[in-house]
């Protein structure tokens, strides 16, 4: 079993459960397929599992490390965003929503995606390598956002909270109630959800 699955906290974990998406943070593994670092690039992307018939041997020497996610909402919580090569339409939709939801940065359609990656990087991990979170009223959070309850990740979807596990979401969900909660999904990504981008979710 390889360490190549990502949870909503952004941690790379070992599990037998399969993922619906593949992600890239650069080359993270060594010759023994062991994870050596949490990231190498600031562009953390989410890709299709299949694209133009390409085939990769997982964790091949010298190549980027394949990471896997339960669903797109999980990938976003970890700090990833759609790939502009294999998911161009989704990437453009996300960029449009990000710009609409985060006008304070003064970015526009001509702004390079790398500028947005810089913002996201500051919002997902601090200088000590810890997950960055923020507090927000639960009732104001859009679908697709992850929060933390007693250290555990929960997805906000359809006025319910769904407990995340590597194999899927536990049922039944919990009701959404007013009050401050700790948010795992990067702030500017949450703003993009509020502005219209709806991530794929397996609930």
N, C-alpha and C. Protein backbone atom coordinates (compact mmCIF):
# COMPACT_ATOMS: atom_id res chain seq x y z
N UNK A 1 0.84 -1.19 0.00
CA UNK A 1 0.00 0.00 0.00
C UNK A 1 0.88 1.25 0.00
N UNK A 2 0.65 2.15 -0.96
CA UNK A 2 1.46 3.35 -1.08
C UNK A 2 0.84 4.52 -0.31
N UNK A 3 1.68 5.44 0.10
CA UNK A 3 1.22 6.66 0.74
C UNK A 3 0.96 7.68 -0.35
N UNK A 4 -0.28 7.70 -0.88
CA UNK A 4 -0.56 8.59 -2.01
C UNK A 4 -2.00 9.09 -2.05
N UNK A 5 -2.73 8.93 -0.96
CA UNK A 5 -4.10 9.45 -0.88
C UNK A 5 -4.08 10.71 -0.02
N UNK A 6 -4.88 11.70 -0.36
CA UNK A 6 -4.87 12.99 0.35
C UNK A 6 -6.19 13.20 1.07
N UNK A 7 -6.12 13.62 2.33
CA UNK A 7 -7.34 13.92 3.09
C UNK A 7 -7.62 15.42 3.07
N UNK A 8 -8.77 15.86 3.60
CA UNK A 8 -9.13 17.28 3.55
C UNK A 8 -8.17 18.21 4.30
N UNK A 9 -7.35 17.67 5.20
CA UNK A 9 -6.35 18.48 5.88
C UNK A 9 -5.12 18.71 4.99
N UNK A 10 -5.06 18.01 3.86
CA UNK A 10 -3.91 18.12 2.98
C UNK A 10 -2.83 17.10 3.26
N UNK A 11 -3.06 16.22 4.24
CA UNK A 11 -2.08 15.19 4.58
C UNK A 11 -2.09 14.08 3.53
N UNK A 12 -0.92 13.52 3.26
CA UNK A 12 -0.80 12.40 2.34
C UNK A 12 -0.78 11.13 3.18
N UNK A 13 -1.78 10.27 3.00
CA UNK A 13 -1.99 9.13 3.88
C UNK A 13 -1.96 7.81 3.10
N UNK A 14 -1.89 6.72 3.86
CA UNK A 14 -1.98 5.38 3.28
C UNK A 14 -3.39 4.83 3.48
N UNK A 15 -3.99 4.28 2.43
CA UNK A 15 -5.30 3.66 2.54
C UNK A 15 -5.53 2.78 1.32
N UNK A 16 -6.35 1.74 1.50
CA UNK A 16 -6.71 0.88 0.38
C UNK A 16 -7.81 1.48 -0.47
N UNK A 17 -8.48 2.52 0.03
CA UNK A 17 -9.59 3.13 -0.69
C UNK A 17 -9.09 3.83 -1.96
N UNK A 18 -9.88 3.75 -3.02
CA UNK A 18 -9.51 4.35 -4.29
C UNK A 18 -9.98 5.80 -4.35
N UNK A 19 -9.42 6.57 -5.27
CA UNK A 19 -9.81 7.96 -5.44
C UNK A 19 -10.45 8.23 -6.79
N UNK A 20 -11.21 9.33 -6.89
CA UNK A 20 -11.90 9.68 -8.13
C UNK A 20 -11.11 10.68 -8.97
N UNK A 21 -10.08 11.28 -8.37
CA UNK A 21 -9.26 12.28 -9.06
C UNK A 21 -7.79 12.02 -8.74
N UNK A 22 -6.92 12.50 -9.62
CA UNK A 22 -5.48 12.41 -9.39
C UNK A 22 -4.92 13.83 -9.26
N UNK A 23 -3.92 14.00 -8.42
CA UNK A 23 -3.36 15.33 -8.19
C UNK A 23 -1.86 15.36 -8.29
N UNK A 24 -1.33 16.57 -8.37
CA UNK A 24 0.10 16.79 -8.59
C UNK A 24 0.57 17.95 -7.74
N UNK A 25 1.66 17.73 -6.98
CA UNK A 25 2.36 18.81 -6.25
C UNK A 25 3.85 18.80 -6.61
N UNK A 26 4.20 18.07 -7.68
CA UNK A 26 5.59 17.89 -8.03
C UNK A 26 6.09 16.54 -7.58
N UNK A 27 7.39 16.31 -7.68
CA UNK A 27 7.98 15.03 -7.28
C UNK A 27 8.20 15.02 -5.77
N UNK A 28 7.48 14.16 -5.08
CA UNK A 28 7.52 14.10 -3.63
C UNK A 28 8.17 12.82 -3.12
N UNK A 29 8.35 11.82 -3.98
CA UNK A 29 8.81 10.50 -3.56
C UNK A 29 10.24 10.24 -3.99
N UNK A 30 10.86 9.27 -3.31
CA UNK A 30 12.20 8.85 -3.67
C UNK A 30 12.17 7.57 -4.48
N UNK A 31 13.31 6.96 -4.67
CA UNK A 31 13.41 5.76 -5.50
C UNK A 31 12.67 4.56 -4.91
N UNK A 32 12.40 4.60 -3.60
CA UNK A 32 11.68 3.50 -2.97
C UNK A 32 10.18 3.78 -2.85
N UNK A 33 9.69 4.76 -3.57
CA UNK A 33 8.28 5.14 -3.56
C UNK A 33 7.82 5.59 -2.18
N UNK A 34 8.73 6.20 -1.44
CA UNK A 34 8.44 6.75 -0.12
C UNK A 34 8.31 8.27 -0.22
N UNK A 35 7.28 8.84 0.41
CA UNK A 35 7.09 10.29 0.39
C UNK A 35 8.19 10.97 1.21
N UNK A 36 8.89 11.92 0.58
CA UNK A 36 10.00 12.62 1.23
C UNK A 36 9.63 14.05 1.64
N UNK A 37 8.62 14.62 0.99
CA UNK A 37 8.23 16.01 1.26
C UNK A 37 6.75 16.18 0.97
N UNK A 38 6.06 17.17 1.58
CA UNK A 38 4.63 17.35 1.34
C UNK A 38 4.31 18.04 0.01
N UNK A 39 5.26 18.78 -0.53
CA UNK A 39 5.05 19.43 -1.82
C UNK A 39 6.39 19.90 -2.36
N UNK A 40 6.43 20.15 -3.67
CA UNK A 40 7.61 20.73 -4.30
C UNK A 40 7.24 21.98 -5.08
N UNK A 41 6.02 22.03 -5.59
CA UNK A 41 5.53 23.16 -6.37
C UNK A 41 4.42 23.88 -5.62
N UNK A 42 4.22 25.16 -5.96
CA UNK A 42 3.10 25.91 -5.39
C UNK A 42 1.82 25.71 -6.19
N UNK A 43 1.95 25.19 -7.40
CA UNK A 43 0.78 24.87 -8.22
C UNK A 43 0.34 23.45 -7.87
N UNK A 44 -0.66 23.34 -6.99
CA UNK A 44 -1.22 22.04 -6.62
C UNK A 44 -2.46 21.84 -7.47
N UNK A 45 -2.43 20.85 -8.36
CA UNK A 45 -3.54 20.71 -9.31
C UNK A 45 -4.28 19.39 -9.12
N UNK A 46 -5.49 19.35 -9.67
CA UNK A 46 -6.35 18.17 -9.67
C UNK A 46 -6.64 17.79 -11.11
N UNK A 47 -6.38 16.54 -11.46
CA UNK A 47 -6.48 16.09 -12.85
C UNK A 47 -7.46 14.92 -12.99
N UNK A 48 -7.80 14.63 -14.26
CA UNK A 48 -8.60 13.46 -14.58
C UNK A 48 -7.78 12.20 -14.39
N UNK A 49 -8.44 11.11 -14.02
CA UNK A 49 -7.74 9.84 -13.89
C UNK A 49 -7.28 9.31 -15.25
N UNK A 50 -8.04 9.65 -16.30
CA UNK A 50 -7.69 9.22 -17.65
C UNK A 50 -7.70 10.43 -18.58
N UNK A 51 -6.66 10.54 -19.41
CA UNK A 51 -6.55 11.68 -20.33
C UNK A 51 -5.70 11.28 -21.53
N UNK A 52 -6.33 11.29 -22.70
CA UNK A 52 -5.66 11.02 -23.98
C UNK A 52 -4.90 9.69 -23.98
N UNK A 53 -5.41 8.72 -23.25
CA UNK A 53 -4.81 7.39 -23.26
C UNK A 53 -3.45 7.29 -22.61
N UNK A 54 -3.05 8.30 -21.86
CA UNK A 54 -1.75 8.28 -21.21
C UNK A 54 -1.75 7.26 -20.07
N UNK A 55 -0.63 6.58 -19.90
CA UNK A 55 -0.49 5.59 -18.83
C UNK A 55 0.78 5.87 -18.04
N UNK A 56 0.67 5.84 -16.72
CA UNK A 56 1.80 6.10 -15.84
C UNK A 56 1.91 4.96 -14.83
N UNK A 57 3.12 4.57 -14.54
CA UNK A 57 3.37 3.70 -13.40
C UNK A 57 3.50 4.59 -12.18
N UNK A 58 2.66 4.33 -11.18
CA UNK A 58 2.60 5.20 -10.00
C UNK A 58 3.96 5.29 -9.32
N UNK A 59 4.36 6.53 -9.02
CA UNK A 59 5.62 6.84 -8.34
C UNK A 59 6.84 6.31 -9.10
N UNK A 60 6.86 6.54 -10.40
CA UNK A 60 8.04 6.19 -11.19
C UNK A 60 9.21 7.09 -10.79
N UNK A 61 10.45 6.59 -10.83
CA UNK A 61 11.61 7.40 -10.46
C UNK A 61 11.74 8.65 -11.33
N UNK A 62 11.98 9.79 -10.69
CA UNK A 62 12.24 11.03 -11.41
C UNK A 62 11.03 11.76 -11.93
N UNK A 63 9.81 11.22 -11.73
CA UNK A 63 8.60 11.86 -12.23
C UNK A 63 7.75 12.38 -11.07
N UNK A 64 6.75 13.22 -11.42
CA UNK A 64 5.91 13.78 -10.36
C UNK A 64 5.10 12.68 -9.67
N UNK A 65 4.75 12.95 -8.42
CA UNK A 65 4.07 11.97 -7.58
C UNK A 65 2.56 12.04 -7.77
N UNK A 66 1.95 10.91 -8.11
CA UNK A 66 0.51 10.83 -8.28
C UNK A 66 -0.18 10.77 -6.92
N UNK A 67 -1.06 11.73 -6.66
CA UNK A 67 -1.85 11.78 -5.43
C UNK A 67 -3.32 11.56 -5.80
N UNK A 68 -4.10 11.03 -4.88
CA UNK A 68 -5.48 10.69 -5.20
C UNK A 68 -6.44 11.25 -4.15
N UNK A 69 -7.68 11.59 -4.62
CA UNK A 69 -8.68 12.24 -3.78
C UNK A 69 -10.02 11.52 -3.87
N UNK A 70 -10.76 11.48 -2.76
CA UNK A 70 -12.10 10.90 -2.74
C UNK A 70 -13.01 11.62 -3.74
N UNK A 71 -12.98 12.96 -3.71
CA UNK A 71 -13.78 13.76 -4.62
C UNK A 71 -13.11 15.13 -4.78
N UNK A 72 -13.70 15.97 -5.63
CA UNK A 72 -13.08 17.26 -5.91
C UNK A 72 -13.13 18.18 -4.69
N UNK A 73 -14.19 18.08 -3.90
CA UNK A 73 -14.28 18.91 -2.69
C UNK A 73 -13.12 18.63 -1.75
N UNK A 74 -12.74 17.35 -1.64
CA UNK A 74 -11.59 16.98 -0.82
C UNK A 74 -10.31 17.60 -1.36
N UNK A 75 -10.15 17.56 -2.68
CA UNK A 75 -8.96 18.13 -3.32
C UNK A 75 -8.86 19.63 -3.05
N UNK A 76 -9.98 20.31 -3.17
CA UNK A 76 -9.98 21.76 -2.90
C UNK A 76 -9.64 22.05 -1.44
N UNK A 77 -10.20 21.26 -0.51
CA UNK A 77 -9.90 21.48 0.91
C UNK A 77 -8.42 21.33 1.18
N UNK A 78 -7.78 20.39 0.47
CA UNK A 78 -6.35 20.16 0.64
C UNK A 78 -5.51 21.26 0.03
N UNK A 79 -6.12 22.09 -0.83
CA UNK A 79 -5.41 23.20 -1.44
C UNK A 79 -5.15 23.07 -2.92
N UNK A 80 -5.79 22.10 -3.59
CA UNK A 80 -5.61 21.90 -5.02
C UNK A 80 -6.66 22.67 -5.81
N UNK A 81 -6.42 22.79 -7.14
CA UNK A 81 -7.40 23.42 -8.04
C UNK A 81 -7.31 22.70 -9.40
N UNK A 82 -8.32 22.90 -10.29
CA UNK A 82 -8.36 22.16 -11.55
C UNK A 82 -7.15 22.44 -12.45
N UNK A 83 -6.73 21.39 -13.16
CA UNK A 83 -5.62 21.47 -14.11
C UNK A 83 -6.07 22.17 -15.39
N UNK A 84 -5.20 23.01 -15.93
CA UNK A 84 -5.55 23.73 -17.16
C UNK A 84 -5.28 22.91 -18.42
N UNK A 85 -4.64 21.74 -18.29
CA UNK A 85 -4.43 20.91 -19.48
C UNK A 85 -5.57 19.91 -19.67
N UNK A 86 -5.79 19.05 -18.69
CA UNK A 86 -6.80 18.00 -18.86
C UNK A 86 -8.20 18.44 -18.44
N UNK A 87 -8.31 19.58 -17.74
CA UNK A 87 -9.62 20.06 -17.25
C UNK A 87 -9.79 21.54 -17.56
N UNK A 88 -9.54 21.91 -18.78
CA UNK A 88 -9.52 23.34 -19.13
C UNK A 88 -10.84 24.04 -18.82
N UNK A 89 -11.96 23.42 -19.16
CA UNK A 89 -13.26 24.06 -18.91
C UNK A 89 -13.47 24.31 -17.42
N UNK A 90 -13.21 23.28 -16.60
CA UNK A 90 -13.37 23.45 -15.15
C UNK A 90 -12.38 24.47 -14.60
N UNK A 91 -11.16 24.46 -15.13
CA UNK A 91 -10.14 25.41 -14.67
C UNK A 91 -10.56 26.84 -14.97
N UNK A 92 -11.11 27.06 -16.16
CA UNK A 92 -11.57 28.41 -16.52
C UNK A 92 -12.77 28.83 -15.68
N UNK A 93 -13.68 27.89 -15.42
CA UNK A 93 -14.84 28.20 -14.58
C UNK A 93 -14.38 28.54 -13.16
N UNK A 94 -13.42 27.78 -12.66
CA UNK A 94 -12.94 28.06 -11.31
C UNK A 94 -12.23 29.41 -11.24
N UNK A 95 -11.40 29.71 -12.24
CA UNK A 95 -10.70 30.99 -12.25
C UNK A 95 -11.70 32.14 -12.30
N UNK A 96 -12.73 32.02 -13.13
CA UNK A 96 -13.75 33.07 -13.23
C UNK A 96 -14.44 33.27 -11.89
N UNK A 97 -14.81 32.16 -11.22
CA UNK A 97 -15.47 32.27 -9.91
C UNK A 97 -14.51 32.82 -8.86
N UNK A 98 -13.25 32.42 -8.93
CA UNK A 98 -12.26 32.91 -7.97
C UNK A 98 -12.11 34.42 -8.10
N UNK A 99 -12.01 34.90 -9.31
CA UNK A 99 -11.88 36.35 -9.54
C UNK A 99 -13.11 37.10 -9.03
N UNK A 100 -14.29 36.53 -9.29
CA UNK A 100 -15.54 37.17 -8.85
C UNK A 100 -15.64 37.17 -7.32
N UNK A 101 -15.20 36.09 -6.70
CA UNK A 101 -15.32 35.97 -5.25
C UNK A 101 -14.23 36.66 -4.46
N UNK A 102 -13.15 37.06 -5.14
CA UNK A 102 -12.01 37.69 -4.46
C UNK A 102 -11.57 38.97 -5.17
N UNK A 103 -12.47 39.95 -5.28
CA UNK A 103 -12.16 41.17 -6.02
C UNK A 103 -11.09 42.03 -5.36
N UNK A 104 -10.84 41.81 -4.09
CA UNK A 104 -9.90 42.67 -3.37
C UNK A 104 -8.47 42.58 -3.84
N UNK A 105 -8.13 41.51 -4.56
CA UNK A 105 -6.76 41.37 -5.04
C UNK A 105 -6.50 42.17 -6.32
N UNK A 106 -7.55 42.65 -6.95
CA UNK A 106 -7.37 43.44 -8.16
C UNK A 106 -6.96 42.63 -9.38
N UNK A 107 -7.16 41.31 -9.34
CA UNK A 107 -6.82 40.46 -10.47
C UNK A 107 -7.92 40.52 -11.53
N UNK A 108 -7.59 40.15 -12.77
CA UNK A 108 -8.58 40.05 -13.83
C UNK A 108 -8.30 38.81 -14.67
N UNK A 109 -9.04 38.65 -15.78
CA UNK A 109 -8.91 37.44 -16.60
C UNK A 109 -7.50 37.27 -17.17
N UNK A 110 -6.76 38.36 -17.30
CA UNK A 110 -5.41 38.28 -17.85
C UNK A 110 -4.37 37.88 -16.80
N UNK A 111 -4.79 37.87 -15.53
CA UNK A 111 -3.86 37.50 -14.46
C UNK A 111 -3.46 36.03 -14.59
N UNK A 112 -2.18 35.75 -14.53
CA UNK A 112 -1.70 34.37 -14.64
C UNK A 112 -2.19 33.54 -13.47
N UNK A 113 -2.51 32.26 -13.73
CA UNK A 113 -3.00 31.38 -12.68
C UNK A 113 -1.96 31.24 -11.56
N UNK A 114 -0.69 31.44 -11.88
CA UNK A 114 0.35 31.37 -10.86
C UNK A 114 0.16 32.39 -9.75
N UNK A 115 -0.43 33.53 -10.07
CA UNK A 115 -0.71 34.55 -9.05
C UNK A 115 -1.75 34.03 -8.06
N UNK A 116 -2.77 33.34 -8.58
CA UNK A 116 -3.78 32.74 -7.71
C UNK A 116 -3.17 31.61 -6.89
N UNK A 117 -2.30 30.83 -7.50
CA UNK A 117 -1.60 29.77 -6.76
C UNK A 117 -0.80 30.34 -5.59
N UNK A 118 -0.21 31.50 -5.78
CA UNK A 118 0.55 32.13 -4.69
C UNK A 118 -0.36 32.45 -3.51
N UNK A 119 -1.56 32.99 -3.81
CA UNK A 119 -2.52 33.30 -2.76
C UNK A 119 -2.96 32.03 -2.05
N UNK A 120 -3.32 31.01 -2.84
CA UNK A 120 -3.79 29.75 -2.27
C UNK A 120 -2.72 29.10 -1.40
N UNK A 121 -1.47 29.20 -1.83
CA UNK A 121 -0.39 28.58 -1.07
C UNK A 121 -0.28 29.19 0.32
N UNK A 122 -0.47 30.49 0.41
CA UNK A 122 -0.42 31.16 1.71
C UNK A 122 -1.60 30.75 2.59
N UNK A 123 -2.69 30.36 1.96
CA UNK A 123 -3.91 30.03 2.69
C UNK A 123 -3.99 28.54 3.08
N UNK A 124 -3.14 27.71 2.52
CA UNK A 124 -3.26 26.27 2.79
C UNK A 124 -2.21 25.74 3.74
N UNK A 125 -1.02 26.37 3.79
CA UNK A 125 0.06 25.84 4.61
C UNK A 125 0.94 26.98 5.11
N UNK A 126 1.32 26.94 6.40
CA UNK A 126 2.14 28.02 6.94
C UNK A 126 3.64 27.68 6.81
N UNK A 127 4.49 28.58 7.28
CA UNK A 127 5.94 28.42 7.11
C UNK A 127 6.48 27.22 7.87
N UNK A 128 5.70 26.72 8.85
CA UNK A 128 6.11 25.54 9.60
C UNK A 128 5.52 24.25 9.03
N UNK A 129 4.82 24.38 7.92
CA UNK A 129 4.23 23.21 7.27
C UNK A 129 2.90 22.78 7.84
N UNK A 130 2.27 23.65 8.65
CA UNK A 130 0.98 23.30 9.25
C UNK A 130 -0.19 23.80 8.40
N UNK A 131 -1.30 23.11 8.48
CA UNK A 131 -2.51 23.48 7.76
C UNK A 131 -3.01 24.84 8.26
N UNK A 132 -3.31 25.74 7.34
CA UNK A 132 -3.88 27.05 7.68
C UNK A 132 -5.41 26.91 7.69
N UNK A 133 -6.03 27.40 8.74
CA UNK A 133 -7.49 27.39 8.84
C UNK A 133 -7.99 28.78 9.20
N UNK A 134 -9.29 28.97 9.16
CA UNK A 134 -9.88 30.22 9.62
C UNK A 134 -11.26 29.93 10.18
N UNK A 135 -11.80 30.85 10.97
CA UNK A 135 -13.11 30.68 11.59
C UNK A 135 -14.18 31.45 10.82
N UNK A 136 -15.34 30.83 10.67
CA UNK A 136 -16.44 31.45 9.94
C UNK A 136 -17.76 30.89 10.48
N UNK A 137 -18.84 31.64 10.28
CA UNK A 137 -20.16 31.15 10.68
C UNK A 137 -20.56 30.02 9.76
N UNK A 138 -20.94 28.90 10.33
CA UNK A 138 -21.26 27.71 9.56
C UNK A 138 -22.38 27.96 8.55
N UNK A 139 -23.39 28.71 8.94
CA UNK A 139 -24.53 28.91 8.06
C UNK A 139 -24.20 29.75 6.83
N UNK A 140 -23.09 30.44 6.84
CA UNK A 140 -22.71 31.25 5.68
C UNK A 140 -21.80 30.54 4.71
N UNK A 141 -21.47 29.27 4.98
CA UNK A 141 -20.52 28.56 4.14
C UNK A 141 -21.22 27.87 2.97
N UNK A 142 -20.65 27.94 1.76
CA UNK A 142 -21.28 27.33 0.59
C UNK A 142 -21.05 25.82 0.53
N UNK A 143 -21.86 25.15 -0.29
CA UNK A 143 -21.68 23.72 -0.52
C UNK A 143 -20.27 23.45 -1.05
N UNK A 144 -19.68 22.35 -0.57
CA UNK A 144 -18.35 21.97 -1.03
C UNK A 144 -17.25 22.36 -0.07
N UNK A 145 -17.59 23.14 0.96
CA UNK A 145 -16.60 23.59 1.95
C UNK A 145 -16.40 22.51 3.01
N UNK A 146 -15.15 22.36 3.45
CA UNK A 146 -14.85 21.44 4.55
C UNK A 146 -14.60 22.24 5.82
N UNK A 147 -15.13 21.72 6.92
CA UNK A 147 -14.86 22.28 8.24
C UNK A 147 -14.27 21.18 9.13
N UNK A 148 -13.83 21.58 10.31
CA UNK A 148 -13.25 20.64 11.26
C UNK A 148 -14.10 20.63 12.53
N UNK A 149 -14.48 19.43 12.96
CA UNK A 149 -15.24 19.27 14.20
C UNK A 149 -14.52 18.24 15.06
N UNK A 150 -14.03 18.68 16.22
CA UNK A 150 -13.26 17.79 17.11
C UNK A 150 -12.11 17.10 16.36
N UNK A 151 -11.46 17.86 15.49
CA UNK A 151 -10.31 17.36 14.75
C UNK A 151 -10.65 16.56 13.52
N UNK A 152 -11.94 16.30 13.28
CA UNK A 152 -12.37 15.49 12.14
C UNK A 152 -12.94 16.36 11.02
N UNK A 153 -12.71 15.98 9.74
CA UNK A 153 -13.21 16.77 8.63
C UNK A 153 -14.66 16.45 8.28
N UNK A 154 -15.44 17.50 8.05
CA UNK A 154 -16.84 17.36 7.65
C UNK A 154 -17.10 18.26 6.44
N UNK A 155 -17.85 17.71 5.50
CA UNK A 155 -18.22 18.44 4.28
C UNK A 155 -19.56 19.13 4.47
N UNK A 156 -19.64 20.40 4.07
CA UNK A 156 -20.91 21.13 4.07
C UNK A 156 -21.59 20.89 2.72
N UNK A 157 -22.78 20.29 2.75
CA UNK A 157 -23.50 20.03 1.50
C UNK A 157 -24.99 19.88 1.78
N UNK A 158 -25.78 20.69 1.09
CA UNK A 158 -27.25 20.57 1.16
C UNK A 158 -27.77 20.66 2.60
N UNK A 159 -27.27 21.67 3.33
CA UNK A 159 -27.71 21.95 4.69
C UNK A 159 -27.42 20.81 5.66
N UNK A 160 -26.38 20.02 5.35
CA UNK A 160 -25.95 18.97 6.25
C UNK A 160 -24.43 18.94 6.32
N UNK A 161 -23.93 18.33 7.40
CA UNK A 161 -22.49 18.09 7.56
C UNK A 161 -22.25 16.59 7.38
N UNK A 162 -21.30 16.25 6.51
CA UNK A 162 -21.03 14.86 6.20
C UNK A 162 -19.61 14.50 6.63
N UNK A 163 -19.49 13.53 7.53
CA UNK A 163 -18.19 13.14 8.06
C UNK A 163 -17.38 12.41 7.00
N UNK A 164 -16.17 12.92 6.71
CA UNK A 164 -15.29 12.35 5.69
C UNK A 164 -14.52 11.16 6.24
N UNK A 165 -14.43 10.09 5.45
CA UNK A 165 -13.52 8.99 5.71
C UNK A 165 -12.85 8.65 4.38
N UNK A 166 -11.71 7.96 4.39
CA UNK A 166 -11.06 7.61 3.12
C UNK A 166 -11.96 6.84 2.16
N UNK A 167 -12.89 6.05 2.71
CA UNK A 167 -13.77 5.23 1.86
C UNK A 167 -15.05 5.94 1.45
N UNK A 168 -15.31 7.12 2.00
CA UNK A 168 -16.54 7.84 1.67
C UNK A 168 -17.10 8.57 2.88
N UNK A 169 -18.29 9.13 2.72
CA UNK A 169 -18.91 9.91 3.80
C UNK A 169 -19.85 9.04 4.62
N UNK A 170 -19.75 9.19 5.95
CA UNK A 170 -20.63 8.44 6.83
C UNK A 170 -22.04 9.01 6.77
N UNK A 171 -23.00 8.14 6.93
CA UNK A 171 -24.41 8.55 6.94
C UNK A 171 -25.00 8.18 8.29
N UNK A 172 -25.99 8.94 8.78
CA UNK A 172 -26.56 10.11 8.12
C UNK A 172 -25.74 11.37 8.38
N UNK A 173 -26.06 12.43 7.67
CA UNK A 173 -25.40 13.70 7.89
C UNK A 173 -25.95 14.41 9.12
N UNK A 174 -25.23 15.43 9.57
CA UNK A 174 -25.66 16.22 10.71
C UNK A 174 -26.25 17.54 10.21
N UNK A 175 -27.22 18.11 10.93
CA UNK A 175 -27.81 19.38 10.50
C UNK A 175 -26.83 20.54 10.66
N UNK A 176 -26.93 21.50 9.76
CA UNK A 176 -26.12 22.72 9.84
C UNK A 176 -26.79 23.68 10.82
N UNK A 177 -26.02 24.14 11.80
CA UNK A 177 -26.54 25.07 12.80
C UNK A 177 -25.65 26.31 12.84
N UNK A 178 -26.19 27.45 13.25
CA UNK A 178 -25.38 28.68 13.32
C UNK A 178 -24.29 28.57 14.36
N UNK A 179 -23.20 29.27 14.11
CA UNK A 179 -22.09 29.28 15.04
C UNK A 179 -20.76 29.23 14.32
N UNK A 180 -19.71 29.69 15.00
CA UNK A 180 -18.39 29.71 14.41
C UNK A 180 -17.82 28.30 14.32
N UNK A 181 -17.19 28.01 13.18
CA UNK A 181 -16.53 26.72 12.98
C UNK A 181 -15.16 26.97 12.36
N UNK A 182 -14.29 25.98 12.44
CA UNK A 182 -12.96 26.04 11.84
C UNK A 182 -13.05 25.49 10.42
N UNK A 183 -12.64 26.33 9.45
CA UNK A 183 -12.76 25.99 8.03
C UNK A 183 -11.42 25.46 7.52
N UNK A 184 -11.46 24.31 6.81
CA UNK A 184 -10.27 23.71 6.24
C UNK A 184 -10.01 24.18 4.81
N UNK A 185 -11.04 24.37 4.03
CA UNK A 185 -10.89 24.81 2.64
C UNK A 185 -10.30 26.22 2.62
N UNK A 186 -9.29 26.49 1.80
CA UNK A 186 -8.69 27.84 1.75
C UNK A 186 -9.75 28.93 1.54
N UNK A 187 -9.54 30.06 2.19
CA UNK A 187 -10.54 31.12 2.21
C UNK A 187 -10.93 31.58 0.81
N UNK A 188 -9.94 31.83 -0.05
CA UNK A 188 -10.27 32.34 -1.38
C UNK A 188 -11.01 31.30 -2.21
N UNK A 189 -10.76 30.01 -1.94
CA UNK A 189 -11.51 28.95 -2.62
C UNK A 189 -12.95 28.92 -2.15
N UNK A 190 -13.18 29.10 -0.86
CA UNK A 190 -14.54 29.21 -0.33
C UNK A 190 -15.26 30.37 -1.00
N UNK A 191 -14.56 31.48 -1.17
CA UNK A 191 -15.17 32.63 -1.85
C UNK A 191 -15.54 32.29 -3.29
N UNK A 192 -14.71 31.47 -3.95
CA UNK A 192 -15.01 31.04 -5.32
C UNK A 192 -16.26 30.16 -5.34
N UNK A 193 -16.43 29.30 -4.33
CA UNK A 193 -17.64 28.50 -4.24
C UNK A 193 -18.86 29.40 -4.07
N UNK A 194 -18.73 30.40 -3.21
CA UNK A 194 -19.84 31.34 -2.99
C UNK A 194 -20.18 32.11 -4.27
N UNK A 195 -19.16 32.29 -5.13
CA UNK A 195 -19.35 33.04 -6.37
C UNK A 195 -19.84 32.16 -7.52
N UNK A 196 -20.06 30.86 -7.26
CA UNK A 196 -20.69 30.05 -8.28
C UNK A 196 -20.05 28.73 -8.67
N UNK A 197 -18.80 28.47 -8.21
CA UNK A 197 -18.17 27.20 -8.59
C UNK A 197 -18.64 26.12 -7.62
N UNK A 198 -19.21 25.04 -8.16
CA UNK A 198 -19.68 23.93 -7.33
C UNK A 198 -18.78 22.72 -7.59
N UNK A 199 -17.98 22.32 -6.60
CA UNK A 199 -17.10 21.17 -6.80
C UNK A 199 -17.87 19.86 -6.83
N UNK A 200 -17.28 18.85 -7.47
CA UNK A 200 -17.86 17.51 -7.47
C UNK A 200 -17.75 16.93 -6.07
N UNK A 201 -18.85 16.33 -5.59
CA UNK A 201 -18.89 15.73 -4.27
C UNK A 201 -19.55 14.35 -4.37
N UNK A 202 -19.10 13.41 -3.56
CA UNK A 202 -19.65 12.05 -3.64
C UNK A 202 -20.78 11.81 -2.66
N UNK A 203 -21.33 12.85 -2.05
CA UNK A 203 -22.46 12.67 -1.13
C UNK A 203 -23.75 12.57 -1.93
